[in-house]
Amino acid sequence: MQARSAAYNVFRRKRKPALRCAVRQDRPVPTFVNGETWDFGGIATTTEPPPGFQPEAASEAMRLTGYYLFHDLRA
């Protein structure tokens, strides 16, 4: 079963840039994602996800926690 199409704001951890936090654009950004430790890393879509982003896992994580952590395999 494929997750429905969605767009996510992606933030990268400053000290560990391969660590990403994705938040659907229609959801609030968690308070732990702040300018001291995270940078905006762009937008990911479930139709063309970046390496390491798993759309079904992202959908489930959003339902449970409100954010999705993953490692960008290009970093």
PDB file of N, CA and C in Angstrom:
ATOM      1  N   MET A   1       0.833  -1.191   0.000  1.00  0.00           N
ATOM      2  CA  MET A   1       0.000   0.000   0.000  1.00  0.00           C
ATOM      3  C   MET A   1       0.873   1.249   0.000  1.00  0.00           C
ATOM      4  N   GLN A   2       0.631   2.157  -0.913  1.00  0.00           N
ATOM      5  CA  GLN A   2       1.423   3.375  -1.045  1.00  0.00           C
ATOM      6  C   GLN A   2       0.789   4.510  -0.257  1.00  0.00           C
ATOM      7  N   ALA A   3       1.628   5.301   0.421  1.00  0.00           N
ATOM      8  CA  ALA A   3       1.141   6.472   1.147  1.00  0.00           C
ATOM      9  C   ALA A   3       0.654   7.505   0.134  1.00  0.00           C
ATOM     10  N   ARG A   4      -0.379   8.255   0.502  1.00  0.00           N
ATOM     11  CA  ARG A   4      -0.879   9.260  -0.427  1.00  0.00           C
ATOM     12  C   ARG A   4       0.151  10.367  -0.601  1.00  0.00           C
ATOM     13  N   SER A   5       0.061  11.053  -1.718  1.00  0.00           N
ATOM     14  CA  SER A   5       1.023  12.098  -2.039  1.00  0.00           C
ATOM     15  C   SER A   5       0.959  13.223  -1.008  1.00  0.00           C
ATOM     16  N   ALA A   6       2.113  13.647  -0.543  1.00  0.00           N
ATOM     17  CA  ALA A   6       2.198  14.731   0.430  1.00  0.00           C
ATOM     18  C   ALA A   6       3.534  15.441   0.275  1.00  0.00           C
ATOM     19  N   ALA A   7       3.588  16.684   0.704  1.00  0.00           N
ATOM     20  CA  ALA A   7       4.829  17.459   0.697  1.00  0.00           C
ATOM     21  C   ALA A   7       5.269  17.681   2.138  1.00  0.00           C
ATOM     22  N   TYR A   8       6.569  17.580   2.356  1.00  0.00           N
ATOM     23  CA  TYR A   8       7.158  17.701   3.694  1.00  0.00           C
ATOM     24  C   TYR A   8       8.225  18.781   3.687  1.00  0.00           C
ATOM     25  N   ASN A   9       8.258  19.613   4.741  1.00  0.00           N
ATOM     26  CA  ASN A   9       9.397  20.484   4.990  1.00  0.00           C
ATOM     27  C   ASN A   9      10.460  19.607   5.643  1.00  0.00           C
ATOM     28  N   VAL A  10      11.674  19.705   5.143  1.00  0.00           N
ATOM     29  CA  VAL A  10      12.753  18.870   5.659  1.00  0.00           C
ATOM     30  C   VAL A  10      13.798  19.764   6.321  1.00  0.00           C
ATOM     31  N   PHE A  11      14.186  19.379   7.516  1.00  0.00           N
ATOM     32  CA  PHE A  11      15.202  20.101   8.281  1.00  0.00           C
ATOM     33  C   PHE A  11      16.386  19.173   8.491  1.00  0.00           C
ATOM     34  N   ARG A  12      17.598  19.730   8.418  1.00  0.00           N
ATOM     35  CA  ARG A  12      18.800  18.905   8.636  1.00  0.00           C
ATOM     36  C   ARG A  12      19.502  19.356   9.910  1.00  0.00           C
ATOM     37  N   ARG A  13      19.980  18.372  10.644  1.00  0.00           N
ATOM     38  CA  ARG A  13      20.685  18.628  11.901  1.00  0.00           C
ATOM     39  C   ARG A  13      22.029  19.267  11.565  1.00  0.00           C
ATOM     40  N   LYS A  14      22.365  20.380  12.207  1.00  0.00           N
ATOM     41  CA  LYS A  14      23.597  21.102  11.883  1.00  0.00           C
ATOM     42  C   LYS A  14      24.847  20.269  12.125  1.00  0.00           C
ATOM     43  N   ARG A  15      24.927  19.576  13.248  1.00  0.00           N
ATOM     44  CA  ARG A  15      26.136  18.809  13.575  1.00  0.00           C
ATOM     45  C   ARG A  15      26.150  17.424  12.948  1.00  0.00           C
ATOM     46  N   LYS A  16      25.026  16.951  12.490  1.00  0.00           N
ATOM     47  CA  LYS A  16      24.912  15.646  11.822  1.00  0.00           C
ATOM     48  C   LYS A  16      24.033  15.837  10.592  1.00  0.00           C
ATOM     49  N   PRO A  17      24.570  16.413   9.510  1.00  0.00           N
ATOM     50  CA  PRO A  17      23.736  16.823   8.377  1.00  0.00           C
ATOM     51  C   PRO A  17      23.004  15.687   7.661  1.00  0.00           C
ATOM     52  N   ALA A  18      23.401  14.447   7.860  1.00  0.00           N
ATOM     53  CA  ALA A  18      22.658  13.346   7.242  1.00  0.00           C
ATOM     54  C   ALA A  18      21.352  13.071   7.981  1.00  0.00           C
ATOM     55  N   LEU A  19      21.244  13.515   9.233  1.00  0.00           N
ATOM     56  CA  LEU A  19      20.020  13.321  10.009  1.00  0.00           C
ATOM     57  C   LEU A  19      19.005  14.377   9.596  1.00  0.00           C
ATOM     58  N   ARG A  20      17.845  13.925   9.169  1.00  0.00           N
ATOM     59  CA  ARG A  20      16.800  14.832   8.699  1.00  0.00           C
ATOM     60  C   ARG A  20      15.523  14.648   9.503  1.00  0.00           C
ATOM     61  N   CYS A  21      14.795  15.717   9.636  1.00  0.00           N
ATOM     62  CA  CYS A  21      13.476  15.685  10.267  1.00  0.00           C
ATOM     63  C   CYS A  21      12.490  16.247   9.246  1.00  0.00           C
ATOM     64  N   ALA A  22      11.530  15.438   8.865  1.00  0.00           N
ATOM     65  CA  ALA A  22      10.520  15.858   7.894  1.00  0.00           C
ATOM     66  C   ALA A  22       9.193  16.076   8.611  1.00  0.00           C
ATOM     67  N   VAL A  23       8.524  17.168   8.231  1.00  0.00           N
ATOM     68  CA  VAL A  23       7.223  17.513   8.812  1.00  0.00           C
ATOM     69  C   VAL A  23       6.301  17.898   7.655  1.00  0.00           C
ATOM     70  N   ARG A  24       5.145  17.258   7.592  1.00  0.00           N
ATOM     71  CA  ARG A  24       4.209  17.615   6.529  1.00  0.00           C
ATOM     72  C   ARG A  24       3.938  19.103   6.561  1.00  0.00           C
ATOM     73  N   GLN A  25       3.786  19.681   5.391  1.00  0.00           N
ATOM     74  CA  GLN A  25       3.607  21.128   5.310  1.00  0.00           C
ATOM     75  C   GLN A  25       2.327  21.618   5.979  1.00  0.00           C
ATOM     76  N   ASP A  26       1.365  20.751   6.144  1.00  0.00           N
ATOM     77  CA  ASP A  26       0.120  21.168   6.788  1.00  0.00           C
ATOM     78  C   ASP A  26       0.110  20.909   8.294  1.00  0.00           C
ATOM     79  N   ARG A  27       1.276  20.577   8.865  1.00  0.00           N
ATOM     80  CA  ARG A  27       1.393  20.294  10.297  1.00  0.00           C
ATOM     81  C   ARG A  27       2.392  21.256  10.934  1.00  0.00           C
ATOM     82  N   PRO A  28       2.273  21.522  12.240  1.00  0.00           N
ATOM     83  CA  PRO A  28       3.230  22.412  12.910  1.00  0.00           C
ATOM     84  C   PRO A  28       4.599  21.738  13.073  1.00  0.00           C
ATOM     85  N   VAL A  29       5.627  22.547  13.045  1.00  0.00           N
ATOM     86  CA  VAL A  29       6.988  22.049  13.260  1.00  0.00           C
ATOM     87  C   VAL A  29       7.180  21.817  14.756  1.00  0.00           C
ATOM     88  N   PRO A  30       7.726  20.660  15.149  1.00  0.00           N
ATOM     89  CA  PRO A  30       7.947  20.386  16.575  1.00  0.00           C
ATOM     90  C   PRO A  30       8.899  21.412  17.197  1.00  0.00           C
ATOM     91  N   THR A  31       8.747  21.655  18.480  1.00  0.00           N
ATOM     92  CA  THR A  31       9.553  22.674  19.158  1.00  0.00           C
ATOM     93  C   THR A  31      11.036  22.322  19.215  1.00  0.00           C
ATOM     94  N   PHE A  32      11.397  21.025  19.141  1.00  0.00           N
ATOM     95  CA  PHE A  32      12.817  20.679  19.184  1.00  0.00           C
ATOM     96  C   PHE A  32      13.544  21.060  17.892  1.00  0.00           C
ATOM     97  N   VAL A  33      12.799  21.327  16.833  1.00  0.00           N
ATOM     98  CA  VAL A  33      13.406  21.775  15.566  1.00  0.00           C
ATOM     99  C   VAL A  33      13.499  23.290  15.647  1.00  0.00           C
ATOM    100  N   ASN A  34      14.697  23.767  15.967  1.00  0.00           N
ATOM    101  CA  ASN A  34      14.895  25.210  16.114  1.00  0.00           C
ATOM    102  C   ASN A  34      16.168  25.630  15.389  1.00  0.00           C
ATOM    103  N   GLY A  35      16.348  26.913  15.226  1.00  0.00           N
ATOM    104  CA  GLY A  35      17.465  27.463  14.479  1.00  0.00           C
ATOM    105  C   GLY A  35      18.831  27.212  15.090  1.00  0.00           C
ATOM    106  N   GLU A  36      18.884  26.865  16.361  1.00  0.00           N
ATOM    107  CA  GLU A  36      20.170  26.597  17.002  1.00  0.00           C
ATOM    108  C   GLU A  36      20.759  25.262  16.549  1.00  0.00           C
ATOM    109  N   THR A  37      19.903  24.288  16.300  1.00  0.00           N
ATOM    110  CA  THR A  37      20.394  22.941  16.004  1.00  0.00           C
ATOM    111  C   THR A  37      19.975  22.397  14.641  1.00  0.00           C
ATOM    112  N   TRP A  38      19.033  23.058  13.963  1.00  0.00           N
ATOM    113  CA  TRP A  38      18.524  22.563  12.685  1.00  0.00           C
ATOM    114  C   TRP A  38      18.518  23.674  11.644  1.00  0.00           C
ATOM    115  N   ASP A  39      18.753  23.306  10.379  1.00  0.00           N
ATOM    116  CA  ASP A  39      18.628  24.201   9.229  1.00  0.00           C
ATOM    117  C   ASP A  39      17.523  23.679   8.325  1.00  0.00           C
ATOM    118  N   PHE A  40      16.864  24.585   7.615  1.00  0.00           N
ATOM    119  CA  PHE A  40      15.886  24.152   6.618  1.00  0.00           C
ATOM    120  C   PHE A  40      16.635  23.507   5.473  1.00  0.00           C
ATOM    121  N   GLY A  41      16.195  22.320   5.073  1.00  0.00           N
ATOM    122  CA  GLY A  41      16.890  21.580   4.031  1.00  0.00           C
ATOM    123  C   GLY A  41      16.109  21.402   2.753  1.00  0.00           C
ATOM    124  N   GLY A  42      14.939  22.031   2.663  1.00  0.00           N
ATOM    125  CA  GLY A  42      14.166  21.937   1.441  1.00  0.00           C
ATOM    126  C   GLY A  42      12.840  21.223   1.640  1.00  0.00           C
ATOM    127  N   ILE A  43      12.262  20.818   0.518  1.00  0.00           N
ATOM    128  CA  ILE A  43      10.959  20.168   0.517  1.00  0.00           C
ATOM    129  C   ILE A  43      11.098  18.795  -0.117  1.00  0.00           C
ATOM    130  N   ALA A  44      10.476  17.821   0.504  1.00  0.00           N
ATOM    131  CA  ALA A  44      10.440  16.457  -0.040  1.00  0.00           C
ATOM    132  C   ALA A  44       8.997  16.116  -0.367  1.00  0.00           C
ATOM    133  N   THR A  45       8.804  15.357  -1.431  1.00  0.00           N
ATOM    134  CA  THR A  45       7.472  14.872  -1.755  1.00  0.00           C
ATOM    135  C   THR A  45       7.482  13.352  -1.731  1.00  0.00           C
ATOM    136  N   THR A  46       6.329  12.793  -1.500  1.00  0.00           N
ATOM    137  CA  THR A  46       6.243  11.338  -1.468  1.00  0.00           C
ATOM    138  C   THR A  46       6.275  10.749  -2.872  1.00  0.00           C
ATOM    139  N   THR A  47       6.011  11.557  -3.892  1.00  0.00           N
ATOM    140  CA  THR A  47       6.075  11.049  -5.262  1.00  0.00           C
ATOM    141  C   THR A  47       7.509  11.011  -5.781  1.00  0.00           C
ATOM    142  N   GLU A  48       8.369  11.894  -5.273  1.00  0.00           N
ATOM    143  CA  GLU A  48       9.786  11.905  -5.626  1.00  0.00           C
ATOM    144  C   GLU A  48      10.608  12.109  -4.353  1.00  0.00           C
ATOM    145  N   PRO A  49      10.646  11.101  -3.476  1.00  0.00           N
ATOM    146  CA  PRO A  49      11.332  11.266  -2.187  1.00  0.00           C
ATOM    147  C   PRO A  49      12.851  11.253  -2.336  1.00  0.00           C
ATOM    148  N   PRO A  50      13.553  11.941  -1.442  1.00  0.00           N
ATOM    149  CA  PRO A  50      15.015  11.886  -1.454  1.00  0.00           C
ATOM    150  C   PRO A  50      15.496  10.511  -0.970  1.00  0.00           C
ATOM    151  N   PRO A  51      16.735  10.144  -1.281  1.00  0.00           N
ATOM    152  CA  PRO A  51      17.256   8.858  -0.808  1.00  0.00           C
ATOM    153  C   PRO A  51      17.181   8.749   0.713  1.00  0.00           C
ATOM    154  N   GLY A  52      16.649   7.647   1.189  1.00  0.00           N
ATOM    155  CA  GLY A  52      16.505   7.419   2.619  1.00  0.00           C
ATOM    156  C   GLY A  52      15.122   7.735   3.150  1.00  0.00           C
ATOM    157  N   PHE A  53      14.345   8.504   2.400  1.00  0.00           N
ATOM    158  CA  PHE A  53      12.992   8.879   2.808  1.00  0.00           C
ATOM    159  C   PHE A  53      12.036   7.782   2.372  1.00  0.00           C
ATOM    160  N   GLN A  54      11.296   7.236   3.329  1.00  0.00           N
ATOM    161  CA  GLN A  54      10.342   6.173   3.028  1.00  0.00           C
ATOM    162  C   GLN A  54       8.930   6.715   3.244  1.00  0.00           C
ATOM    163  N   PRO A  55       8.182   6.941   2.165  1.00  0.00           N
ATOM    164  CA  PRO A  55       6.873   7.583   2.277  1.00  0.00           C
ATOM    165  C   PRO A  55       5.898   6.898   3.245  1.00  0.00           C
ATOM    166  N   GLU A  56       5.830   5.590   3.243  1.00  0.00           N
ATOM    167  CA  GLU A  56       4.897   4.910   4.151  1.00  0.00           C
ATOM    168  C   GLU A  56       5.316   5.092   5.605  1.00  0.00           C
ATOM    169  N   ALA A  57       6.617   5.018   5.869  1.00  0.00           N
ATOM    170  CA  ALA A  57       7.112   5.240   7.229  1.00  0.00           C
ATOM    171  C   ALA A  57       6.866   6.686   7.656  1.00  0.00           C
ATOM    172  N   ALA A  58       7.042   7.628   6.728  1.00  0.00           N
ATOM    173  CA  ALA A  58       6.801   9.038   7.036  1.00  0.00           C
ATOM    174  C   ALA A  58       5.340   9.273   7.397  1.00  0.00           C
ATOM    175  N   SER A  59       4.440   8.667   6.642  1.00  0.00           N
ATOM    176  CA  SER A  59       3.017   8.816   6.921  1.00  0.00           C
ATOM    177  C   SER A  59       2.668   8.269   8.305  1.00  0.00           C
ATOM    178  N   GLU A  60       3.196   7.114   8.634  1.00  0.00           N
ATOM    179  CA  GLU A  60       2.924   6.507   9.943  1.00  0.00           C
ATOM    180  C   GLU A  60       3.540   7.339  11.072  1.00  0.00           C
ATOM    181  N   ALA A  61       4.763   7.812  10.872  1.00  0.00           N
ATOM    182  CA  ALA A  61       5.422   8.634  11.893  1.00  0.00           C
ATOM    183  C   ALA A  61       4.650   9.933  12.127  1.00  0.00           C
ATOM    184  N   MET A  62       4.149  10.538  11.063  1.00  0.00           N
ATOM    185  CA  MET A  62       3.363  11.763  11.217  1.00  0.00           C
ATOM    186  C   MET A  62       2.115  11.489  12.042  1.00  0.00           C
ATOM    187  N   ARG A  63       1.479  10.356  11.811  1.00  0.00           N
ATOM    188  CA  ARG A  63       0.276  10.003  12.557  1.00  0.00           C
ATOM    189  C   ARG A  63       0.582   9.806  14.039  1.00  0.00           C
ATOM    190  N   LEU A  64       1.727   9.190  14.328  1.00  0.00           N
ATOM    191  CA  LEU A  64       2.074   8.861  15.712  1.00  0.00           C
ATOM    192  C   LEU A  64       2.758   9.986  16.479  1.00  0.00           C
ATOM    193  N   THR A  65       3.694  10.693  15.825  1.00  0.00           N
ATOM    194  CA  THR A  65       4.519  11.663  16.548  1.00  0.00           C
ATOM    195  C   THR A  65       4.439  13.088  16.014  1.00  0.00           C
ATOM    196  N   GLY A  66       4.010  13.264  14.758  1.00  0.00           N
ATOM    197  CA  GLY A  66       3.962  14.593  14.166  1.00  0.00           C
ATOM    198  C   GLY A  66       5.224  14.976  13.419  1.00  0.00           C
ATOM    199  N   TYR A  67       6.184  14.061  13.314  1.00  0.00           N
ATOM    200  CA  TYR A  67       7.407  14.296  12.543  1.00  0.00           C
ATOM    201  C   TYR A  67       7.993  12.946  12.126  1.00  0.00           C
ATOM    202  N   TYR A  68       8.941  12.993  11.176  1.00  0.00           N
ATOM    203  CA  TYR A  68       9.572  11.776  10.667  1.00  0.00           C
ATOM    204  C   TYR A  68      11.082  12.005  10.601  1.00  0.00           C
ATOM    205  N   LEU A  69      11.838  11.208  11.321  1.00  0.00           N
ATOM    206  CA  LEU A  69      13.302  11.282  11.276  1.00  0.00           C
ATOM    207  C   LEU A  69      13.824  10.241  10.294  1.00  0.00           C
ATOM    208  N   PHE A  70      14.806  10.639   9.479  1.00  0.00           N
ATOM    209  CA  PHE A  70      15.443   9.710   8.551  1.00  0.00           C
ATOM    210  C   PHE A  70      16.857  10.183   8.247  1.00  0.00           C
ATOM    211  N   HIS A  71      17.644   9.299   7.665  1.00  0.00           N
ATOM    212  CA  HIS A  71      19.002   9.648   7.232  1.00  0.00           C
ATOM    213  C   HIS A  71      18.992   9.827   5.729  1.00  0.00           C
ATOM    214  N   ASP A  72      19.501  10.958   5.286  1.00  0.00           N
ATOM    215  CA  ASP A  72      19.649  11.210   3.852  1.00  0.00           C
ATOM    216  C   ASP A  72      20.854  10.414   3.376  1.00  0.00           C
ATOM    217  N   LEU A  73      20.634   9.500   2.483  1.00  0.00           N
ATOM    218  CA  LEU A  73      21.698   8.590   2.035  1.00  0.00           C
ATOM    219  C   LEU A  73      22.708   9.269   1.126  1.00  0.00           C
ATOM    220  N   ARG A  74      22.433  10.489   0.691  1.00  0.00           N
ATOM    221  CA  ARG A  74      23.403  11.229  -0.138  1.00  0.00           C
ATOM    222  C   ARG A  74      24.437  11.947   0.704  1.00  0.00           C
ATOM    223  N   ALA A  75      24.094  12.209   1.947  1.00  0.00           N
ATOM    224  CA  ALA A  75      24.971  13.024   2.819  1.00  0.00           C
ATOM    225  C   ALA A  75      26.130  12.206   3.348  1.00  0.00           C
TER     226      ALA A  75
END
